Amino acid sequence: TEGYTIIGVEQTAKSFDLTEYCFPE
């Protein structure tokens, strides 16, 4: 609700590769 993107460090079927992920502020 405060505008944070909740990012899990986990290997899942839909997880993003760290080298391709752009972190929100």
PDB file of all heavy atoms in Angstrom:
ATOM      1  N   THR A   1       0.830  -1.215   0.000  1.00  0.00           N
ATOM      2  CA  THR A   1       0.000   0.000   0.000  1.00  0.00           C
ATOM      3  C   THR A   1       0.862   1.262   0.000  1.00  0.00           C
ATOM      4  O   THR A   1       0.404   2.326  -0.399  1.00  0.00           O
ATOM      5  CB  THR A   1      -0.950   0.033   1.217  1.00  0.00           C
ATOM      6  OG1 THR A   1      -0.182   0.129   2.419  1.00  0.00           O
ATOM      7  CG2 THR A   1      -1.826  -1.202   1.265  1.00  0.00           C
ATOM      8  N   GLU A   2       2.115   1.128   0.450  1.00  0.00           N
ATOM      9  CA  GLU A   2       3.039   2.264   0.461  1.00  0.00           C
ATOM     10  C   GLU A   2       3.798   2.383  -0.860  1.00  0.00           C
ATOM     11  O   GLU A   2       4.681   3.235  -0.997  1.00  0.00           O
ATOM     12  CB  GLU A   2       4.028   2.126   1.624  1.00  0.00           C
ATOM     13  CG  GLU A   2       3.358   2.197   2.994  1.00  0.00           C
ATOM     14  CD  GLU A   2       4.335   1.923   4.130  1.00  0.00           C
ATOM     15  OE1 GLU A   2       5.575   1.939   3.868  1.00  0.00           O
ATOM     16  OE2 GLU A   2       3.887   1.683   5.265  1.00  0.00           O
ATOM     17  N   GLY A   3       3.483   1.518  -1.806  1.00  0.00           N
ATOM     18  CA  GLY A   3       4.095   1.622  -3.133  1.00  0.00           C
ATOM     19  C   GLY A   3       5.313   0.762  -3.358  1.00  0.00           C
ATOM     20  O   GLY A   3       6.000   0.912  -4.382  1.00  0.00           O
ATOM     21  N   TYR A   4       5.598  -0.144  -2.447  1.00  0.00           N
ATOM     22  CA  TYR A   4       6.771  -1.015  -2.614  1.00  0.00           C
ATOM     23  C   TYR A   4       6.445  -2.207  -3.503  1.00  0.00           C
ATOM     24  O   TYR A   4       5.354  -2.761  -3.435  1.00  0.00           O
ATOM     25  CB  TYR A   4       7.264  -1.521  -1.257  1.00  0.00           C
ATOM     26  CG  TYR A   4       8.110  -0.517  -0.521  1.00  0.00           C
ATOM     27  CD1 TYR A   4       7.525   0.438   0.303  1.00  0.00           C
ATOM     28  CD2 TYR A   4       9.494  -0.503  -0.667  1.00  0.00           C
ATOM     29  CE1 TYR A   4       8.289   1.383   0.973  1.00  0.00           C
ATOM     30  CE2 TYR A   4      10.267   0.436  -0.005  1.00  0.00           C
ATOM     31  CZ  TYR A   4       9.665   1.366   0.814  1.00  0.00           C
ATOM     32  OH  TYR A   4      10.430   2.294   1.457  1.00  0.00           O
ATOM     33  N   THR A   5       7.405  -2.597  -4.335  1.00  0.00           N
ATOM     34  CA  THR A   5       7.328  -3.835  -5.092  1.00  0.00           C
ATOM     35  C   THR A   5       7.952  -4.932  -4.242  1.00  0.00           C
ATOM     36  O   THR A   5       9.088  -4.801  -3.777  1.00  0.00           O
ATOM     37  CB  THR A   5       8.093  -3.712  -6.420  1.00  0.00           C
ATOM     38  OG1 THR A   5       7.477  -2.702  -7.223  1.00  0.00           O
ATOM     39  CG2 THR A   5       8.079  -5.029  -7.186  1.00  0.00           C
ATOM     40  N   ILE A   6       7.199  -6.018  -4.013  1.00  0.00           N
ATOM     41  CA  ILE A   6       7.661  -7.095  -3.146  1.00  0.00           C
ATOM     42  C   ILE A   6       8.390  -8.126  -4.006  1.00  0.00           C
ATOM     43  O   ILE A   6       7.793  -8.785  -4.853  1.00  0.00           O
ATOM     44  CB  ILE A   6       6.488  -7.756  -2.402  1.00  0.00           C
ATOM     45  CG1 ILE A   6       5.569  -6.681  -1.784  1.00  0.00           C
ATOM     46  CG2 ILE A   6       7.002  -8.722  -1.346  1.00  0.00           C
ATOM     47  CD1 ILE A   6       6.254  -5.756  -0.806  1.00  0.00           C
ATOM     48  N   ILE A   7       9.688  -8.252  -3.782  1.00  0.00           N
ATOM     49  CA  ILE A   7      10.553  -9.090  -4.610  1.00  0.00           C
ATOM     50  C   ILE A   7      11.068 -10.266  -3.789  1.00  0.00           C
ATOM     51  O   ILE A   7      11.704 -10.075  -2.744  1.00  0.00           O
ATOM     52  CB  ILE A   7      11.750  -8.279  -5.141  1.00  0.00           C
ATOM     53  CG1 ILE A   7      11.256  -7.044  -5.916  1.00  0.00           C
ATOM     54  CG2 ILE A   7      12.665  -9.150  -6.001  1.00  0.00           C
ATOM     55  CD1 ILE A   7      12.319  -5.995  -6.128  1.00  0.00           C
ATOM     56  N   GLY A   8      10.779 -11.472  -4.249  1.00  0.00           N
ATOM     57  CA  GLY A   8      11.286 -12.661  -3.582  1.00  0.00           C
ATOM     58  C   GLY A   8      12.539 -13.178  -4.257  1.00  0.00           C
ATOM     59  O   GLY A   8      12.622 -13.170  -5.488  1.00  0.00           O
ATOM     60  N   VAL A   9      13.502 -13.593  -3.449  1.00  0.00           N
ATOM     61  CA  VAL A   9      14.708 -14.205  -4.000  1.00  0.00           C
ATOM     62  C   VAL A   9      14.447 -15.710  -4.010  1.00  0.00           C
ATOM     63  O   VAL A   9      14.611 -16.393  -3.004  1.00  0.00           O
ATOM     64  CB  VAL A   9      15.943 -13.871  -3.144  1.00  0.00           C
ATOM     65  CG1 VAL A   9      17.209 -14.388  -3.811  1.00  0.00           C
ATOM     66  CG2 VAL A   9      16.040 -12.376  -2.925  1.00  0.00           C
ATOM     67  N   GLU A  10      13.999 -16.212  -5.142  1.00  0.00           N
ATOM     68  CA  GLU A  10      13.557 -17.604  -5.206  1.00  0.00           C
ATOM     69  C   GLU A  10      13.541 -18.092  -6.639  1.00  0.00           C
ATOM     70  O   GLU A  10      13.301 -17.314  -7.574  1.00  0.00           O
ATOM     71  CB  GLU A  10      12.147 -17.715  -4.617  1.00  0.00           C
ATOM     72  CG  GLU A  10      11.666 -19.128  -4.352  1.00  0.00           C
ATOM     73  CD  GLU A  10      12.516 -19.874  -3.342  1.00  0.00           C
ATOM     74  OE1 GLU A  10      12.258 -19.772  -2.133  1.00  0.00           O
ATOM     75  OE2 GLU A  10      13.458 -20.557  -3.796  1.00  0.00           O
ATOM     76  N   GLN A  11      13.820 -19.379  -6.805  1.00  0.00           N
ATOM     77  CA  GLN A  11      13.737 -20.003  -8.123  1.00  0.00           C
ATOM     78  C   GLN A  11      12.328 -20.562  -8.307  1.00  0.00           C
ATOM     79  O   GLN A  11      11.920 -21.483  -7.602  1.00  0.00           O
ATOM     80  CB  GLN A  11      14.766 -21.136  -8.237  1.00  0.00           C
ATOM     81  CG  GLN A  11      16.203 -20.668  -8.140  1.00  0.00           C
ATOM     82  CD  GLN A  11      17.198 -21.826  -8.086  1.00  0.00           C
ATOM     83  OE1 GLN A  11      16.820 -22.967  -7.916  1.00  0.00           O
ATOM     84  NE2 GLN A  11      18.474 -21.507  -8.236  1.00  0.00           N
ATOM     85  N   THR A  12      11.577 -19.969  -9.228  1.00  0.00           N
ATOM     86  CA  THR A  12      10.226 -20.448  -9.524  1.00  0.00           C
ATOM     87  C   THR A  12      10.069 -20.564 -11.044  1.00  0.00           C
ATOM     88  O   THR A  12      10.943 -20.128 -11.802  1.00  0.00           O
ATOM     89  CB  THR A  12       9.146 -19.497  -8.976  1.00  0.00           C
ATOM     90  OG1 THR A  12       9.204 -18.262  -9.701  1.00  0.00           O
ATOM     91  CG2 THR A  12       9.338 -19.225  -7.495  1.00  0.00           C
ATOM     92  N   ALA A  13       8.937 -21.099 -11.458  1.00  0.00           N
ATOM     93  CA  ALA A  13       8.691 -21.267 -12.898  1.00  0.00           C
ATOM     94  C   ALA A  13       8.620 -19.925 -13.618  1.00  0.00           C
ATOM     95  O   ALA A  13       8.911 -19.832 -14.811  1.00  0.00           O
ATOM     96  CB  ALA A  13       7.395 -22.047 -13.112  1.00  0.00           C
ATOM     97  N   LYS A  14       8.254 -18.858 -12.895  1.00  0.00           N
ATOM     98  CA  LYS A  14       8.077 -17.548 -13.519  1.00  0.00           C
ATOM     99  C   LYS A  14       9.094 -16.516 -13.037  1.00  0.00           C
ATOM    100  O   LYS A  14       8.902 -15.316 -13.242  1.00  0.00           O
ATOM    101  CB  LYS A  14       6.658 -17.034 -13.254  1.00  0.00           C
ATOM    102  CG  LYS A  14       5.557 -17.910 -13.852  1.00  0.00           C
ATOM    103  CD  LYS A  14       4.184 -17.322 -13.584  1.00  0.00           C
ATOM    104  CE  LYS A  14       3.077 -18.172 -14.202  1.00  0.00           C
ATOM    105  NZ  LYS A  14       1.731 -17.616 -13.934  1.00  0.00           N
ATOM    106  N   SER A  15      10.150 -16.961 -12.388  1.00  0.00           N
ATOM    107  CA  SER A  15      11.110 -16.005 -11.849  1.00  0.00           C
ATOM    108  C   SER A  15      11.921 -15.341 -12.960  1.00  0.00           C
ATOM    109  O   SER A  15      12.163 -15.924 -14.010  1.00  0.00           O
ATOM    110  CB  SER A  15      12.048 -16.689 -10.846  1.00  0.00           C
ATOM    111  OG  SER A  15      12.709 -17.767 -11.452  1.00  0.00           O
ATOM    112  N   PHE A  16      12.333 -14.090 -12.695  1.00  0.00           N
ATOM    113  CA  PHE A  16      13.151 -13.314 -13.618  1.00  0.00           C
ATOM    114  C   PHE A  16      14.630 -13.580 -13.347  1.00  0.00           C
ATOM    115  O   PHE A  16      15.048 -13.742 -12.207  1.00  0.00           O
ATOM    116  CB  PHE A  16      12.885 -11.810 -13.456  1.00  0.00           C
ATOM    117  CG  PHE A  16      11.607 -11.343 -14.085  1.00  0.00           C
ATOM    118  CD1 PHE A  16      10.387 -11.516 -13.418  1.00  0.00           C
ATOM    119  CD2 PHE A  16      11.593 -10.727 -15.323  1.00  0.00           C
ATOM    120  CE1 PHE A  16       9.203 -11.084 -13.981  1.00  0.00           C
ATOM    121  CE2 PHE A  16      10.414 -10.294 -15.899  1.00  0.00           C
ATOM    122  CZ  PHE A  16       9.216 -10.479 -15.226  1.00  0.00           C
ATOM    123  N   ASP A  17      15.406 -13.572 -14.391  1.00  0.00           N
ATOM    124  CA  ASP A  17      16.855 -13.652 -14.272  1.00  0.00           C
ATOM    125  C   ASP A  17      17.356 -12.315 -13.719  1.00  0.00           C
ATOM    126  O   ASP A  17      16.966 -11.246 -14.192  1.00  0.00           O
ATOM    127  CB  ASP A  17      17.461 -13.911 -15.657  1.00  0.00           C
ATOM    128  CG  ASP A  17      18.954 -14.212 -15.593  1.00  0.00           C
ATOM    129  OD1 ASP A  17      19.691 -13.440 -14.961  1.00  0.00           O
ATOM    130  OD2 ASP A  17      19.365 -15.222 -16.189  1.00  0.00           O
ATOM    131  N   LEU A  18      18.224 -12.367 -12.703  1.00  0.00           N
ATOM    132  CA  LEU A  18      18.731 -11.146 -12.090  1.00  0.00           C
ATOM    133  C   LEU A  18      19.385 -10.220 -13.103  1.00  0.00           C
ATOM    134  O   LEU A  18      19.284  -8.997 -12.989  1.00  0.00           O
ATOM    135  CB  LEU A  18      19.731 -11.497 -10.977  1.00  0.00           C
ATOM    136  CG  LEU A  18      20.437 -10.326 -10.290  1.00  0.00           C
ATOM    137  CD1 LEU A  18      19.430  -9.385  -9.627  1.00  0.00           C
ATOM    138  CD2 LEU A  18      21.436 -10.834  -9.264  1.00  0.00           C
ATOM    139  N   THR A  19      20.036 -10.782 -14.111  1.00  0.00           N
ATOM    140  CA  THR A  19      20.742  -9.950 -15.092  1.00  0.00           C
ATOM    141  C   THR A  19      19.779  -9.192 -16.002  1.00  0.00           C
ATOM    142  O   THR A  19      20.194  -8.280 -16.718  1.00  0.00           O
ATOM    143  CB  THR A  19      21.669 -10.815 -15.969  1.00  0.00           C
ATOM    144  OG1 THR A  19      20.885 -11.781 -16.684  1.00  0.00           O
ATOM    145  CG2 THR A  19      22.702 -11.529 -15.117  1.00  0.00           C
ATOM    146  N   GLU A  20      18.489  -9.568 -15.968  1.00  0.00           N
ATOM    147  CA  GLU A  20      17.506  -8.922 -16.847  1.00  0.00           C
ATOM    148  C   GLU A  20      16.454  -8.135 -16.069  1.00  0.00           C
ATOM    149  O   GLU A  20      15.575  -7.521 -16.679  1.00  0.00           O
ATOM    150  CB  GLU A  20      16.807  -9.996 -17.697  1.00  0.00           C
ATOM    151  CG  GLU A  20      17.775 -10.776 -18.581  1.00  0.00           C
ATOM    152  CD  GLU A  20      17.102 -11.953 -19.275  1.00  0.00           C
ATOM    153  OE1 GLU A  20      15.918 -12.224 -18.954  1.00  0.00           O
ATOM    154  OE2 GLU A  20      17.753 -12.599 -20.120  1.00  0.00           O
ATOM    155  N   TYR A  21      16.551  -8.150 -14.746  1.00  0.00           N
ATOM    156  CA  TYR A  21      15.508  -7.508 -13.944  1.00  0.00           C
ATOM    157  C   TYR A  21      15.891  -6.069 -13.611  1.00  0.00           C
ATOM    158  O   TYR A  21      17.018  -5.785 -13.209  1.00  0.00           O
ATOM    159  CB  TYR A  21      15.265  -8.285 -12.651  1.00  0.00           C
ATOM    160  CG  TYR A  21      14.139  -7.705 -11.840  1.00  0.00           C
ATOM    161  CD1 TYR A  21      12.819  -7.780 -12.279  1.00  0.00           C
ATOM    162  CD2 TYR A  21      14.396  -7.054 -10.640  1.00  0.00           C
ATOM    163  CE1 TYR A  21      11.785  -7.227 -11.544  1.00  0.00           C
ATOM    164  CE2 TYR A  21      13.363  -6.503  -9.897  1.00  0.00           C
ATOM    165  CZ  TYR A  21      12.063  -6.590 -10.354  1.00  0.00           C
ATOM    166  OH  TYR A  21      11.040  -6.032  -9.623  1.00  0.00           O
ATOM    167  N   CYS A  22      14.940  -5.178 -13.771  1.00  0.00           N
ATOM    168  CA  CYS A  22      15.137  -3.758 -13.435  1.00  0.00           C
ATOM    169  C   CYS A  22      14.420  -3.458 -12.126  1.00  0.00           C
ATOM    170  O   CYS A  22      13.192  -3.527 -12.059  1.00  0.00           O
ATOM    171  CB  CYS A  22      14.606  -2.879 -14.569  1.00  0.00           C
ATOM    172  SG  CYS A  22      14.873  -1.120 -14.300  1.00  0.00           S
ATOM    173  N   PHE A  23      15.168  -3.127 -11.101  1.00  0.00           N
ATOM    174  CA  PHE A  23      14.589  -2.887  -9.786  1.00  0.00           C
ATOM    175  C   PHE A  23      13.842  -1.559  -9.739  1.00  0.00           C
ATOM    176  O   PHE A  23      14.395  -0.522 -10.129  1.00  0.00           O
ATOM    177  CB  PHE A  23      15.684  -2.860  -8.715  1.00  0.00           C
ATOM    178  CG  PHE A  23      16.217  -4.204  -8.354  1.00  0.00           C
ATOM    179  CD1 PHE A  23      17.278  -4.758  -9.062  1.00  0.00           C
ATOM    180  CD2 PHE A  23      15.676  -4.927  -7.301  1.00  0.00           C
ATOM    181  CE1 PHE A  23      17.782  -6.006  -8.727  1.00  0.00           C
ATOM    182  CE2 PHE A  23      16.171  -6.171  -6.953  1.00  0.00           C
ATOM    183  CZ  PHE A  23      17.226  -6.714  -7.669  1.00  0.00           C
ATOM    184  N   PRO A  24      12.600  -1.555  -9.239  1.00  0.00           N
ATOM    185  CA  PRO A  24      11.923  -0.279  -8.976  1.00  0.00           C
ATOM    186  C   PRO A  24      12.641   0.449  -7.841  1.00  0.00           C
ATOM    187  O   PRO A  24      13.340  -0.172  -7.027  1.00  0.00           O
ATOM    188  CB  PRO A  24      10.515  -0.705  -8.542  1.00  0.00           C
ATOM    189  CG  PRO A  24      10.377  -2.126  -8.954  1.00  0.00           C
ATOM    190  CD  PRO A  24      11.756  -2.709  -8.930  1.00  0.00           C
ATOM    191  N   GLU A  25      12.466   1.754  -7.790  1.00  0.00           N
ATOM    192  CA  GLU A  25      13.122   2.522  -6.725  1.00  0.00           C
ATOM    193  C   GLU A  25      12.682   2.032  -5.348  1.00  0.00           C
ATOM    194  O   GLU A  25      13.497   1.845  -4.453  1.00  0.00           O
ATOM    195  CB  GLU A  25      12.802   4.013  -6.874  1.00  0.00           C
ATOM    196  CG  GLU A  25      13.504   4.858  -5.816  1.00  0.00           C
ATOM    197  CD  GLU A  25      13.181   6.332  -5.957  1.00  0.00           C
ATOM    198  OE1 GLU A  25      12.401   6.688  -6.847  1.00  0.00           O
ATOM    199  OE2 GLU A  25      13.706   7.121  -5.156  1.00  0.00           O
TER     200      GLU A  25
END
